[in-house]
N, C-alpha and C. Protein backbone atom coordinates (compact mmCIF):
# COMPACT_ATOMS: atom_id res chain seq x y z
N MET A 1 -1.95 -56.47 59.78
CA MET A 1 -1.59 -55.84 58.53
C MET A 1 -2.05 -56.67 57.36
N ALA A 2 -2.03 -57.98 57.49
CA ALA A 2 -2.36 -58.84 56.40
C ALA A 2 -3.83 -58.70 56.02
N THR A 3 -4.70 -58.41 56.98
CA THR A 3 -6.13 -58.25 56.68
C THR A 3 -6.42 -57.00 55.90
N HIS A 4 -5.60 -55.97 56.09
CA HIS A 4 -5.81 -54.72 55.37
C HIS A 4 -5.49 -54.87 53.89
N SER A 5 -4.53 -55.67 53.54
CA SER A 5 -4.16 -55.82 52.11
C SER A 5 -5.06 -56.84 51.41
N THR A 6 -5.70 -57.74 52.13
CA THR A 6 -6.57 -58.73 51.50
C THR A 6 -7.93 -58.15 51.17
N VAL A 7 -8.41 -57.21 51.94
CA VAL A 7 -9.71 -56.62 51.69
C VAL A 7 -9.72 -55.84 50.35
N PRO A 8 -8.76 -54.96 50.11
CA PRO A 8 -8.75 -54.29 48.79
C PRO A 8 -8.54 -55.24 47.62
N SER A 9 -7.71 -56.25 47.84
CA SER A 9 -7.47 -57.19 46.73
C SER A 9 -8.72 -58.05 46.50
N ALA A 10 -9.46 -58.40 47.56
CA ALA A 10 -10.71 -59.16 47.38
C ALA A 10 -11.74 -58.29 46.66
N LEU A 11 -11.81 -57.04 47.06
CA LEU A 11 -12.76 -56.14 46.39
C LEU A 11 -12.41 -55.92 44.94
N THR A 12 -11.11 -55.80 44.66
CA THR A 12 -10.67 -55.64 43.28
C THR A 12 -11.00 -56.87 42.46
N LEU A 13 -10.78 -58.03 43.03
CA LEU A 13 -11.09 -59.29 42.34
C LEU A 13 -12.58 -59.38 42.09
N PHE A 14 -13.41 -59.06 43.08
CA PHE A 14 -14.83 -59.07 42.95
C PHE A 14 -15.31 -58.10 41.86
N LEU A 15 -14.70 -56.93 41.83
CA LEU A 15 -15.06 -55.91 40.83
C LEU A 15 -14.71 -56.38 39.44
N ILE A 16 -13.56 -56.99 39.27
CA ILE A 16 -13.14 -57.49 37.96
C ILE A 16 -14.08 -58.59 37.51
N LEU A 17 -14.42 -59.54 38.37
CA LEU A 17 -15.34 -60.60 38.02
C LEU A 17 -16.74 -60.07 37.74
N PHE A 18 -17.15 -59.10 38.51
CA PHE A 18 -18.49 -58.50 38.29
C PHE A 18 -18.57 -57.81 36.94
N LEU A 19 -17.50 -57.11 36.54
CA LEU A 19 -17.49 -56.39 35.28
C LEU A 19 -17.33 -57.31 34.10
N MET A 20 -16.80 -58.52 34.32
CA MET A 20 -16.66 -59.47 33.21
C MET A 20 -17.96 -60.21 32.95
N LEU A 21 -18.91 -60.21 33.86
CA LEU A 21 -20.17 -60.90 33.65
C LEU A 21 -20.92 -60.44 32.41
N PRO A 22 -21.13 -59.15 32.18
CA PRO A 22 -21.87 -58.75 31.01
C PRO A 22 -21.18 -59.02 29.67
N VAL A 23 -19.89 -59.30 29.70
CA VAL A 23 -19.19 -59.56 28.43
C VAL A 23 -19.71 -60.81 27.76
N GLY A 24 -20.04 -61.84 28.51
CA GLY A 24 -20.51 -63.09 27.93
C GLY A 24 -22.02 -63.19 27.81
N SER A 25 -22.77 -62.29 28.38
CA SER A 25 -24.22 -62.45 28.40
C SER A 25 -24.89 -62.17 27.06
N PRO A 26 -24.39 -61.30 26.18
CA PRO A 26 -25.09 -61.07 24.91
C PRO A 26 -24.96 -62.21 23.93
N ALA A 27 -24.12 -63.18 24.22
CA ALA A 27 -23.94 -64.30 23.31
C ALA A 27 -25.22 -65.11 23.23
N ARG A 28 -25.50 -65.62 22.04
CA ARG A 28 -26.72 -66.42 21.90
C ARG A 28 -26.38 -67.66 21.09
N ILE A 29 -27.19 -68.64 21.20
CA ILE A 29 -26.99 -69.88 20.48
C ILE A 29 -27.56 -69.67 19.08
N LEU A 30 -26.73 -69.94 18.07
CA LEU A 30 -27.18 -69.79 16.70
C LEU A 30 -27.98 -71.02 16.28
N ARG A 31 -29.07 -70.79 15.64
CA ARG A 31 -29.85 -71.90 15.10
C ARG A 31 -29.21 -72.38 13.81
N GLN A 32 -29.69 -73.52 13.33
CA GLN A 32 -29.19 -74.01 12.05
C GLN A 32 -29.66 -73.05 10.98
N ALA A 33 -28.82 -72.92 9.97
CA ALA A 33 -29.14 -72.01 8.87
C ALA A 33 -30.39 -72.52 8.16
N LYS A 34 -31.29 -71.58 7.92
CA LYS A 34 -32.53 -71.94 7.21
C LYS A 34 -32.27 -71.97 5.70
N THR A 35 -33.00 -72.81 5.03
CA THR A 35 -32.89 -72.83 3.57
C THR A 35 -33.66 -71.64 3.00
N ASP A 36 -33.41 -71.37 1.76
CA ASP A 36 -34.09 -70.20 1.12
C ASP A 36 -35.61 -70.42 1.09
N MET A 37 -36.05 -71.63 0.88
CA MET A 37 -37.49 -71.86 0.83
C MET A 37 -38.13 -71.61 2.20
N GLN A 38 -37.45 -71.97 3.28
CA GLN A 38 -38.00 -71.68 4.61
C GLN A 38 -38.08 -70.20 4.85
N ARG A 39 -37.08 -69.45 4.37
CA ARG A 39 -37.09 -67.99 4.56
C ARG A 39 -38.24 -67.38 3.80
N VAL A 40 -38.50 -67.88 2.57
CA VAL A 40 -39.60 -67.35 1.75
C VAL A 40 -40.92 -67.64 2.46
N GLY A 41 -41.05 -68.84 2.98
CA GLY A 41 -42.26 -69.20 3.70
C GLY A 41 -42.47 -68.34 4.92
N ASP A 42 -41.41 -68.07 5.66
CA ASP A 42 -41.52 -67.21 6.83
C ASP A 42 -41.93 -65.81 6.48
N SER A 43 -41.36 -65.25 5.39
CA SER A 43 -41.71 -63.88 5.02
C SER A 43 -43.13 -63.82 4.52
N GLN A 44 -43.58 -64.84 3.79
CA GLN A 44 -44.96 -64.85 3.29
C GLN A 44 -45.92 -64.97 4.47
N LEU A 45 -45.58 -65.77 5.45
CA LEU A 45 -46.45 -65.90 6.63
C LEU A 45 -46.52 -64.56 7.37
N LEU A 46 -45.41 -63.89 7.51
CA LEU A 46 -45.40 -62.60 8.18
C LEU A 46 -46.22 -61.57 7.41
N LEU A 47 -46.07 -61.53 6.10
CA LEU A 47 -46.87 -60.58 5.31
C LEU A 47 -48.36 -60.88 5.43
N HIS A 48 -48.73 -62.17 5.44
CA HIS A 48 -50.13 -62.54 5.60
C HIS A 48 -50.65 -62.11 6.96
N GLU A 49 -49.83 -62.29 8.02
CA GLU A 49 -50.26 -61.91 9.36
C GLU A 49 -50.39 -60.39 9.46
N LEU A 50 -49.63 -59.65 8.70
CA LEU A 50 -49.71 -58.19 8.70
C LEU A 50 -50.87 -57.67 7.85
N GLY A 51 -51.56 -58.55 7.16
CA GLY A 51 -52.76 -58.14 6.42
C GLY A 51 -52.52 -57.88 4.94
N PHE A 52 -51.40 -58.23 4.39
CA PHE A 52 -51.13 -58.05 2.99
C PHE A 52 -51.76 -59.19 2.17
N ASP A 53 -52.23 -58.85 0.98
CA ASP A 53 -52.77 -59.87 0.09
C ASP A 53 -51.62 -60.41 -0.74
N LEU A 54 -51.25 -61.65 -0.58
CA LEU A 54 -50.08 -62.25 -1.21
C LEU A 54 -50.27 -62.31 -2.73
N HIS A 55 -51.49 -62.57 -3.19
CA HIS A 55 -51.72 -62.66 -4.61
C HIS A 55 -51.53 -61.28 -5.29
N GLN A 56 -51.99 -60.22 -4.64
CA GLN A 56 -51.73 -58.88 -5.20
C GLN A 56 -50.26 -58.56 -5.21
N LEU A 57 -49.56 -58.92 -4.13
CA LEU A 57 -48.12 -58.61 -4.07
C LEU A 57 -47.37 -59.38 -5.15
N ASN A 58 -47.77 -60.62 -5.42
CA ASN A 58 -47.12 -61.38 -6.50
C ASN A 58 -47.40 -60.75 -7.85
N ARG A 59 -48.63 -60.23 -8.04
CA ARG A 59 -48.98 -59.57 -9.29
C ARG A 59 -48.14 -58.31 -9.47
N TYR A 60 -47.99 -57.50 -8.43
CA TYR A 60 -47.17 -56.29 -8.47
C TYR A 60 -45.72 -56.65 -8.76
N ARG A 61 -45.24 -57.71 -8.19
CA ARG A 61 -43.86 -58.13 -8.37
C ARG A 61 -43.64 -58.52 -9.84
N LYS A 62 -44.56 -59.28 -10.43
CA LYS A 62 -44.45 -59.67 -11.83
C LYS A 62 -44.52 -58.47 -12.76
N LEU A 63 -45.41 -57.52 -12.42
CA LEU A 63 -45.48 -56.33 -13.27
C LEU A 63 -44.21 -55.52 -13.18
N ALA A 64 -43.60 -55.44 -12.02
CA ALA A 64 -42.36 -54.68 -11.86
C ALA A 64 -41.19 -55.34 -12.60
N MET A 65 -41.23 -56.67 -12.67
CA MET A 65 -40.12 -57.37 -13.36
C MET A 65 -40.19 -57.20 -14.85
N HIS A 66 -41.44 -57.16 -15.41
CA HIS A 66 -41.57 -57.06 -16.84
C HIS A 66 -41.56 -55.62 -17.33
N GLY A 67 -41.72 -54.67 -16.49
CA GLY A 67 -41.72 -53.29 -16.91
C GLY A 67 -43.09 -52.91 -17.44
N PRO A 68 -43.17 -51.68 -17.93
CA PRO A 68 -44.48 -51.23 -18.45
C PRO A 68 -44.83 -51.94 -19.72
N THR A 69 -46.10 -52.23 -19.92
CA THR A 69 -46.56 -52.97 -21.10
C THR A 69 -47.03 -52.02 -22.18
N SER A 70 -47.02 -50.74 -21.94
CA SER A 70 -47.52 -49.77 -22.90
C SER A 70 -46.45 -49.53 -23.98
N ASP A 71 -46.92 -49.32 -25.21
CA ASP A 71 -46.02 -49.02 -26.33
C ASP A 71 -46.07 -47.53 -26.69
N ARG A 72 -46.41 -46.71 -25.73
CA ARG A 72 -46.52 -45.28 -25.97
C ARG A 72 -45.13 -44.67 -26.20
N VAL A 73 -45.09 -43.73 -27.08
CA VAL A 73 -43.83 -43.00 -27.35
C VAL A 73 -44.10 -41.52 -27.08
N SER A 74 -43.06 -40.79 -26.80
CA SER A 74 -43.22 -39.38 -26.56
C SER A 74 -43.44 -38.63 -27.88
N PRO A 75 -44.12 -37.48 -27.85
CA PRO A 75 -44.30 -36.71 -29.07
C PRO A 75 -42.97 -36.17 -29.57
N GLY A 76 -43.00 -35.40 -30.60
CA GLY A 76 -41.83 -34.93 -31.31
C GLY A 76 -40.78 -34.23 -30.49
N GLY A 77 -41.06 -33.83 -29.29
CA GLY A 77 -40.07 -33.15 -28.48
C GLY A 77 -40.48 -31.76 -28.17
N PRO A 78 -39.58 -30.95 -27.62
CA PRO A 78 -39.91 -29.55 -27.30
C PRO A 78 -40.15 -28.73 -28.54
N ASP A 79 -40.97 -27.71 -28.37
CA ASP A 79 -41.30 -26.80 -29.47
C ASP A 79 -40.08 -25.97 -29.78
N PRO A 80 -39.56 -25.99 -31.03
CA PRO A 80 -38.35 -25.22 -31.34
C PRO A 80 -38.54 -23.71 -31.26
N GLN A 81 -39.76 -23.22 -31.32
CA GLN A 81 -39.97 -21.79 -31.20
C GLN A 81 -39.69 -21.28 -29.79
N HIS A 82 -39.94 -22.11 -28.79
CA HIS A 82 -39.76 -21.68 -27.41
C HIS A 82 -38.44 -22.13 -26.82
N HIS A 83 -37.85 -23.16 -27.37
CA HIS A 83 -36.59 -23.68 -26.82
C HIS A 83 -35.53 -23.65 -27.94
N PHE A 84 -34.55 -22.84 -27.79
CA PHE A 84 -33.51 -22.75 -28.81
C PHE A 84 -32.16 -22.97 -28.27
C-alpha cells in the first residue's frame, strides 16, 4: 500500500518542480546603466549602419528646432463676398 501512495506524490512533486522551471528562466542579468553619451553613440552607430547620413539628420534636427525661417504672412483672409 505504501508504494501506491508514493508514486502519485512523487509524480505530483515532479510536476510542481517541472512547472516551476520556466518561472525563473526569463530572468536576465542587468548590465550597468549606460551614460547618456554612450546611448547617443550607440544610436548614431545604429543609424550609420542602417545607411542614414548623420550630417543630414543633424541638419534636419536643427531646422526642426528653430522652426520655419520664412517671414511669409497669409493674405487678407477669406473673400467676404463668398464667406459671410
